[in-house]
Amino acid sequence: MSTTPLNTQTLQNTRFLTRTTELLNRSISRLSSGSRLVSASDDPAGTSLAAKLSAQNMRVGAASTNVQNAVSFVQSVDGFLGGMGKLIDRMSELAILAKDPMKNADDLALYQKEFKQLQTQLRTTVGGTTAEIGGTQNIDKPLGTFNGRVLFGANPSGITVATGQASTQRLIIPETNLRSGAMLQIIQQDASGAFTMDVTDPTAVGTLTSGIGQMGDERATLGAIGSRLDLVAGSLSTESEGLSSALSKIRDVDVATESTRVAKYNLLNQSGTSMLTQATQSTRSVLQLLA
């Protein structure tokens, strides 16, 4: 009759010890991994929410990369426009100098030589086909490119940039077409490859002034787009911080709390082992007496 309660107590102690060991191992796993969600069974709802927030945060990160690339693109276009604007400024200066009646033919020839070189630089930067800008051959690889994309050609639909984790969050960078308007008149060539405008052209100053205005309008448009991109970049950064904070609260382990649990389960584990050993020894003593 005396062995039954002792065996029952031993089984109970074993069950308690097994449970304590499981809890101890779980806490150690959390501390070693740094994650509160070692397995989905730890918090099924939290695991599902964390997966959704993590995917959303990754999309926000990708959108942030898109926006930064778009900022670089806009800055590159603006840089080219700024450089070309200086060239046109110099061309307009030459056109005015060429109207000085005190200049002789040699002076005008020198002005024309520099004027043509500046036109050539503008033409090779803008690029285009013979159907667009005239001349004897296409300029398929102009200087004005960004990662292989031509910057100054016709593109009515613009460039669509994904600026958020939702498919509807988009921003369109409009075209910067310099193969039309005053710029076309500045860089256009005839079928023989000669520029249709020279430094002594009576309409040169007016055309160059219009070209300067065209460049200014394009830069203003890009400046507005750049401002929007800066705002979007800031919003994405704030959104990413919020998502990261929410994920941290769900997934990251509370080191202080978990360390306290480890100490608690360690103590219970040691006590349980001691009690199980004692119960086993008591059973053996009774069996020895009965023997």
Protein backbone atom coordinates (compact mmCIF):
# COMPACT_ATOMS: atom_id res chain seq x y z
CA MET A 1 0.00 0.00 0.00
CA SER A 2 2.91 2.38 0.68
CA THR A 3 4.43 2.19 -2.85
CA THR A 4 1.41 3.53 -4.73
CA PRO A 5 1.45 7.15 -3.47
CA LEU A 6 5.24 7.22 -3.81
CA ASN A 7 5.02 6.10 -7.48
CA THR A 8 2.24 8.63 -8.11
CA GLN A 9 4.35 11.39 -6.61
CA THR A 10 7.30 10.33 -8.74
CA LEU A 11 5.21 10.51 -11.93
CA GLN A 12 3.85 13.89 -10.90
CA ASN A 13 7.35 15.21 -10.18
CA THR A 14 8.51 13.90 -13.54
CA ARG A 15 5.66 15.69 -15.31
CA PHE A 16 6.41 18.96 -13.53
CA LEU A 17 10.11 18.63 -14.28
CA THR A 18 9.46 17.91 -17.96
CA ARG A 19 7.22 20.96 -18.24
CA THR A 20 9.75 23.18 -16.45
CA THR A 21 12.52 21.92 -18.73
CA GLU A 22 10.44 22.75 -21.79
CA LEU A 23 9.79 26.28 -20.53
CA LEU A 24 13.47 26.71 -19.68
CA ASN A 25 14.57 25.55 -23.13
CA ARG A 26 12.03 27.87 -24.76
CA SER A 27 13.31 30.87 -22.81
CA ILE A 28 16.91 30.00 -23.62
CA SER A 29 15.98 29.70 -27.32
CA ARG A 30 14.34 33.12 -27.22
CA LEU A 31 17.37 34.71 -25.59
CA SER A 32 19.84 33.04 -27.94
CA SER A 33 17.83 33.94 -31.08
CA GLY A 34 16.72 37.37 -29.91
CA SER A 35 13.23 36.58 -31.11
CA ARG A 36 10.09 36.06 -29.06
CA LEU A 37 8.62 33.99 -31.89
CA VAL A 38 10.94 30.99 -32.02
CA SER A 39 8.14 28.92 -33.52
CA ALA A 40 4.68 29.76 -34.84
CA SER A 41 3.09 28.00 -31.86
CA ASP A 42 4.56 30.60 -29.50
CA ASP A 43 2.11 33.21 -30.80
CA PRO A 44 0.11 32.21 -33.91
CA ALA A 45 -1.62 35.59 -34.27
CA GLY A 46 1.62 37.47 -33.66
CA THR A 47 3.45 35.32 -36.18
CA SER A 48 0.84 36.07 -38.85
CA LEU A 49 0.85 39.80 -38.11
CA ALA A 50 4.65 39.91 -38.07
CA ALA A 51 4.81 38.23 -41.49
CA LYS A 52 2.41 40.79 -42.95
CA LEU A 53 4.22 43.75 -41.40
CA SER A 54 7.59 42.38 -42.49
CA ALA A 55 6.42 42.05 -46.10
CA GLN A 56 4.96 45.55 -45.97
CA ASN A 57 8.21 46.93 -44.58
CA MET A 58 10.17 45.25 -47.36
CA ARG A 59 7.90 46.87 -49.94
CA VAL A 60 8.43 50.22 -48.28
CA GLY A 61 12.18 49.64 -48.43
CA ALA A 62 11.97 48.82 -52.14
CA ALA A 63 9.88 51.94 -52.76
CA SER A 64 12.46 53.99 -50.87
CA THR A 65 15.16 52.63 -53.17
CA ASN A 66 13.01 53.55 -56.19
CA VAL A 67 12.58 57.07 -54.89
CA GLN A 68 16.29 57.52 -54.24
CA ASN A 69 17.04 56.33 -57.78
CA ALA A 70 14.43 58.75 -59.10
CA VAL A 71 16.06 61.57 -57.14
CA SER A 72 19.40 60.68 -58.71
CA PHE A 73 17.75 60.61 -62.14
CA VAL A 74 16.19 64.04 -61.66
CA GLN A 75 19.46 65.46 -60.36
CA SER A 76 21.29 64.03 -63.36
CA VAL A 77 18.83 65.57 -65.82
CA ASP A 78 18.99 68.90 -64.00
CA GLY A 79 22.79 68.77 -64.06
CA PHE A 80 22.81 68.28 -67.83
CA LEU A 81 20.29 71.09 -68.27
CA GLY A 82 22.40 73.40 -66.16
CA GLY A 83 25.47 72.64 -68.23
CA MET A 84 23.63 73.09 -71.52
CA GLY A 85 22.16 76.33 -70.24
CA LYS A 86 25.68 77.72 -69.81
CA LEU A 87 26.51 76.70 -73.37
CA ILE A 88 23.46 78.52 -74.71
CA ASP A 89 24.34 81.57 -72.62
CA ARG A 90 27.74 81.65 -74.28
CA MET A 91 26.17 81.16 -77.71
CA SER A 92 23.85 84.11 -77.13
CA GLU A 93 26.85 86.18 -76.09
CA LEU A 94 28.66 85.22 -79.29
CA ALA A 95 25.57 86.09 -81.35
CA ILE A 96 25.53 89.57 -79.83
CA LEU A 97 29.28 90.02 -80.38
CA ALA A 98 28.82 89.01 -84.01
CA LYS A 99 26.49 91.96 -84.49
CA ASP A 100 29.27 94.43 -83.73
CA PRO A 101 29.95 96.29 -86.98
CA MET A 102 33.53 96.85 -85.87
CA LYS A 103 34.30 93.14 -86.18
CA ASN A 104 36.01 91.97 -89.35
CA ALA A 105 35.52 88.72 -91.23
CA ASP A 106 38.24 86.92 -89.29
CA ASP A 107 36.56 87.84 -86.00
CA LEU A 108 33.23 86.54 -87.26
CA ALA A 109 34.87 83.34 -88.43
CA LEU A 110 36.29 82.76 -84.95
CA TYR A 111 32.90 83.43 -83.39
CA GLN A 112 31.29 81.00 -85.83
CA LYS A 113 33.89 78.34 -85.08
CA GLU A 114 33.19 78.47 -81.34
CA PHE A 115 29.44 78.75 -81.98
CA LYS A 116 29.51 75.56 -84.07
CA GLN A 117 31.49 73.67 -81.44
CA LEU A 118 28.92 74.59 -78.82
CA GLN A 119 26.11 73.48 -81.14
CA THR A 120 27.88 70.17 -81.68
CA GLN A 121 28.21 69.66 -77.93
CA LEU A 122 24.51 70.35 -77.44
CA ARG A 123 23.58 68.06 -80.31
CA THR A 124 25.65 65.14 -79.02
CA THR A 125 24.17 65.62 -75.54
CA VAL A 126 20.55 65.67 -76.70
CA GLY A 127 20.91 63.05 -79.44
CA GLY A 128 18.19 61.81 -81.75
CA THR A 129 17.53 60.36 -85.18
CA THR A 130 17.96 62.18 -88.46
CA ALA A 131 14.18 62.40 -88.68
CA GLU A 132 14.15 64.27 -85.36
CA ILE A 133 17.21 66.52 -85.50
CA GLY A 134 18.34 66.26 -89.12
CA GLY A 135 21.92 65.60 -90.15
CA THR A 136 23.48 62.66 -91.90
CA GLN A 137 23.44 60.05 -89.13
CA ASN A 138 21.51 59.12 -86.00
CA ILE A 139 22.90 59.84 -82.54
CA ASP A 140 21.69 56.69 -80.80
CA LYS A 141 23.95 57.00 -77.77
CA PRO A 142 23.93 60.65 -76.72
CA LEU A 143 25.88 62.01 -73.77
CA GLY A 144 22.61 62.74 -71.97
CA THR A 145 21.86 59.29 -70.57
CA PHE A 146 21.24 57.81 -67.13
CA ASN A 147 21.90 54.10 -66.66
CA GLY A 148 21.34 53.55 -70.38
CA ARG A 149 18.14 55.63 -70.49
CA VAL A 150 18.14 58.57 -72.92
CA LEU A 151 17.24 61.74 -71.03
CA PHE A 152 16.12 64.24 -73.66
CA GLY A 153 14.00 62.33 -76.14
CA ALA A 154 10.23 62.27 -76.61
CA ASN A 155 8.41 60.24 -73.96
CA PRO A 156 4.79 61.49 -73.69
CA SER A 157 3.85 59.05 -70.93
CA GLY A 158 6.82 60.03 -68.78
CA ILE A 159 8.50 57.72 -66.28
CA THR A 160 6.32 56.09 -63.62
CA VAL A 161 8.00 55.54 -60.25
CA ALA A 162 6.50 53.31 -57.53
CA THR A 163 6.66 55.52 -54.44
CA GLY A 164 4.94 53.37 -51.84
CA GLN A 165 4.12 49.84 -50.74
CA ALA A 166 0.67 50.02 -52.41
CA SER A 167 0.32 49.64 -56.18
CA THR A 168 -1.58 52.94 -56.42
CA GLN A 169 1.24 54.97 -54.89
CA ARG A 170 3.02 56.28 -57.97
CA LEU A 171 4.70 59.43 -59.25
CA ILE A 172 5.24 60.33 -62.90
CA ILE A 173 8.37 62.16 -64.01
CA PRO A 174 7.38 64.02 -67.20
CA GLU A 175 9.46 63.93 -70.35
CA THR A 176 12.27 66.41 -70.97
CA ASN A 177 12.10 66.59 -74.74
CA LEU A 178 14.80 68.88 -76.15
CA ARG A 179 14.28 67.60 -79.69
CA SER A 180 11.56 70.18 -80.26
CA GLY A 181 10.99 73.92 -79.93
CA ALA A 182 13.87 76.37 -79.75
CA MET A 183 16.40 73.67 -78.83
CA LEU A 184 15.64 71.84 -82.06
CA GLN A 185 16.32 75.02 -84.04
CA ILE A 186 19.66 75.43 -82.25
CA ILE A 187 20.94 71.90 -82.91
CA GLN A 188 19.18 71.03 -86.18
CA GLN A 189 21.22 70.19 -89.26
CA ASP A 190 20.25 70.01 -92.92
CA ALA A 191 20.65 66.96 -95.16
CA SER A 192 24.32 67.78 -95.74
CA GLY A 193 25.14 67.88 -92.04
CA ALA A 194 25.43 71.68 -91.74
CA PHE A 195 23.71 73.50 -88.90
CA THR A 196 20.68 75.47 -90.03
CA MET A 197 21.54 78.36 -87.68
CA ASP A 198 24.85 80.20 -87.46
CA VAL A 199 26.21 82.98 -85.27
CA THR A 200 25.30 85.73 -87.76
CA ASP A 201 21.74 84.51 -88.29
CA PRO A 202 19.37 87.49 -87.72
CA THR A 203 17.06 85.30 -85.64
CA ALA A 204 19.88 83.68 -83.62
CA VAL A 205 19.54 85.88 -80.54
CA GLY A 206 15.78 85.39 -80.38
CA THR A 207 16.07 81.63 -80.88
CA LEU A 208 18.77 81.33 -78.22
CA THR A 209 16.71 83.42 -75.82
CA SER A 210 13.79 81.05 -76.38
CA GLY A 211 16.16 78.13 -75.84
CA ILE A 212 17.24 79.59 -72.50
CA GLY A 213 13.57 79.94 -71.55
CA GLN A 214 12.90 76.34 -72.58
CA MET A 215 15.76 75.13 -70.40
CA GLY A 216 14.46 77.21 -67.50
CA ASP A 217 10.96 75.75 -67.84
CA GLU A 218 12.32 72.21 -67.89
CA ARG A 219 14.47 72.84 -64.81
CA ALA A 220 11.49 74.35 -62.98
CA THR A 221 9.42 71.24 -63.73
CA LEU A 222 12.21 68.98 -62.52
CA GLY A 223 12.63 71.10 -59.40
CA ALA A 224 8.97 70.56 -58.52
CA ILE A 225 9.34 66.82 -59.08
CA GLY A 226 12.48 66.80 -56.94
CA SER A 227 10.61 68.50 -54.09
CA ARG A 228 7.85 65.89 -54.27
CA LEU A 229 10.41 63.09 -54.24
CA ASP A 230 12.09 64.56 -51.17
CA LEU A 231 8.73 64.62 -49.36
CA VAL A 232 7.98 61.06 -50.43
CA ALA A 233 11.41 59.91 -49.24
CA GLY A 234 10.79 61.46 -45.83
CA SER A 235 7.35 59.85 -45.58
CA LEU A 236 8.75 56.43 -46.51
CA SER A 237 11.47 56.78 -43.91
CA THR A 238 8.87 57.58 -41.23
CA GLU A 239 6.66 54.70 -42.38
CA SER A 240 9.58 52.28 -42.26
CA GLU A 241 10.46 53.41 -38.74
CA GLY A 242 6.88 52.82 -37.60
CA LEU A 243 6.74 49.36 -39.16
CA SER A 244 10.11 48.42 -37.71
CA SER A 245 8.96 49.53 -34.27
CA ALA A 246 5.76 47.51 -34.55
CA LEU A 247 7.70 44.45 -35.70
CA SER A 248 10.14 44.83 -32.85
CA LYS A 249 7.34 44.84 -30.29
CA ILE A 250 5.89 41.65 -31.78
CA ARG A 251 9.05 39.67 -32.56
CA ASP A 252 11.92 40.89 -30.42
CA VAL A 253 12.45 39.26 -27.05
CA ASP A 254 12.29 41.26 -23.84
CA VAL A 255 15.74 40.37 -22.52
CA ALA A 256 15.05 41.48 -18.94
CA THR A 257 11.79 39.55 -18.67
CA GLU A 258 13.14 36.46 -20.40
CA SER A 259 16.31 36.46 -18.27
CA THR A 260 14.12 36.50 -15.16
CA ARG A 261 12.18 33.56 -16.53
CA VAL A 262 15.38 31.63 -17.21
CA ALA A 263 16.47 32.18 -13.61
CA LYS A 264 13.04 31.09 -12.37
CA TYR A 265 12.87 27.96 -14.54
CA ASN A 266 16.46 27.09 -13.66
CA LEU A 267 15.57 27.18 -9.98
CA LEU A 268 12.40 25.14 -10.55
CA ASN A 269 14.33 22.68 -12.68
CA GLN A 270 16.95 22.17 -9.99
CA SER A 271 14.27 21.83 -7.31
CA GLY A 272 12.28 19.41 -9.44
CA THR A 273 15.34 17.28 -10.12
CA SER A 274 16.13 17.22 -6.41
CA MET A 275 12.57 16.27 -5.49
CA LEU A 276 12.45 13.57 -8.16
CA THR A 277 15.70 12.13 -6.90
CA GLN A 278 14.43 12.17 -3.33
CA ALA A 279 11.14 10.52 -4.30
CA THR A 280 12.99 7.83 -6.20
CA GLN A 281 15.27 7.15 -3.25
CA SER A 282 12.26 6.92 -0.90
CA THR A 283 10.65 4.33 -3.17
CA ARG A 284 13.82 2.29 -3.23
CA SER A 285 14.07 2.42 0.56
CA VAL A 286 10.53 1.08 0.94
CA LEU A 287 11.20 -1.66 -1.57
CA GLN A 288 14.36 -2.64 0.30
CA LEU A 289 12.38 -2.91 3.57
CA LEU A 290 9.76 -5.09 1.87
CA ALA A 291 12.48 -7.28 0.44
